[in-house]
C-alpha cells in the first residue's frame, strides 16, 4: 500500500499527473531513501484508504 501512495504522491507533482517511467522511478527512489519520516507518513496515508488499488483497471459507463 505504501508503494501506491508513493506513486500517487509522485504523479501529482507532474503536469496532468503523467510521468515517464524513468522519472517515476527516480522520484520514488528519492522518497524511499529520504528517511523514516516519509515511510511513516505513507503508512498513515495508506491507513486512511485501505482499499486503494491504483493498478486495477475499472471501466465506467459514465
Protein backbone atom coordinates (compact mmCIF):
# COMPACT_ATOMS: atom_id res chain seq x y z
CA UNK A 1 0.00 0.00 0.00
CA UNK A 2 2.79 2.45 0.80
CA UNK A 3 4.09 1.90 -2.72
CA UNK A 4 0.78 3.05 -4.22
CA UNK A 5 0.68 6.15 -2.01
CA UNK A 6 4.21 7.00 -3.13
CA UNK A 7 3.26 6.57 -6.79
CA UNK A 8 0.33 8.94 -6.34
CA UNK A 9 2.48 11.45 -4.48
CA UNK A 10 5.00 11.50 -7.31
CA UNK A 11 2.43 11.70 -10.10
CA UNK A 12 0.58 14.60 -8.53
CA UNK A 13 3.74 16.69 -8.89
CA UNK A 14 3.77 16.27 -12.69
CA UNK A 15 1.66 18.20 -15.21
CA UNK A 16 -1.61 16.35 -15.77
CA UNK A 17 -0.40 13.60 -13.42
CA UNK A 18 1.70 11.87 -16.07
CA UNK A 19 5.39 10.95 -15.83
CA UNK A 20 7.65 8.72 -17.86
CA UNK A 21 8.79 5.57 -16.08
CA UNK A 22 12.39 6.80 -15.64
CA UNK A 23 11.19 9.94 -13.85
CA UNK A 24 8.75 7.97 -11.72
CA UNK A 25 11.45 5.51 -10.66
CA UNK A 26 13.92 8.32 -9.88
CA UNK A 27 11.46 10.30 -7.79
CA UNK A 28 10.24 7.21 -5.93
CA UNK A 29 13.84 6.26 -5.12
CA UNK A 30 14.43 9.71 -3.69
CA UNK A 31 11.37 9.44 -1.47
CA UNK A 32 12.13 5.86 -0.46
CA UNK A 33 15.60 6.83 0.73
CA UNK A 34 14.60 10.12 2.31
CA UNK A 35 14.33 8.61 5.77
CA UNK A 36 11.91 7.16 8.23
CA UNK A 37 9.69 10.23 8.18
CA UNK A 38 8.46 9.52 4.64
CA UNK A 39 7.87 5.85 5.42
CA UNK A 40 5.80 6.72 8.47
CA UNK A 41 3.86 9.34 6.53
CA UNK A 42 2.94 6.90 3.76
CA UNK A 43 1.83 4.33 6.33
CA UNK A 44 -0.54 6.88 7.87
CA UNK A 45 -1.88 7.90 4.46
CA UNK A 46 -2.33 4.29 3.37
CA UNK A 47 -4.24 3.50 6.54
CA UNK A 48 -6.82 6.13 5.54
CA UNK A 49 -7.56 4.33 2.24
CA UNK A 50 -7.22 0.60 2.95
CA UNK A 51 -9.00 -0.43 -0.27
CA UNK A 52 -6.83 1.68 -2.55
CA UNK A 53 -5.80 -0.17 -5.69
CA UNK A 54 -4.42 2.16 -8.33
CA UNK A 55 -3.34 -0.70 -10.58
CA UNK A 56 -6.73 -2.35 -11.03
CA UNK A 57 -8.47 -1.16 -14.16
CA UNK A 58 -12.14 -0.36 -13.70
CA UNK A 59 -14.35 0.61 -16.59
CA UNK A 60 -17.14 3.03 -16.02
CA UNK A 61 -20.21 3.57 -18.14
CA UNK A 62 -20.29 7.27 -17.30
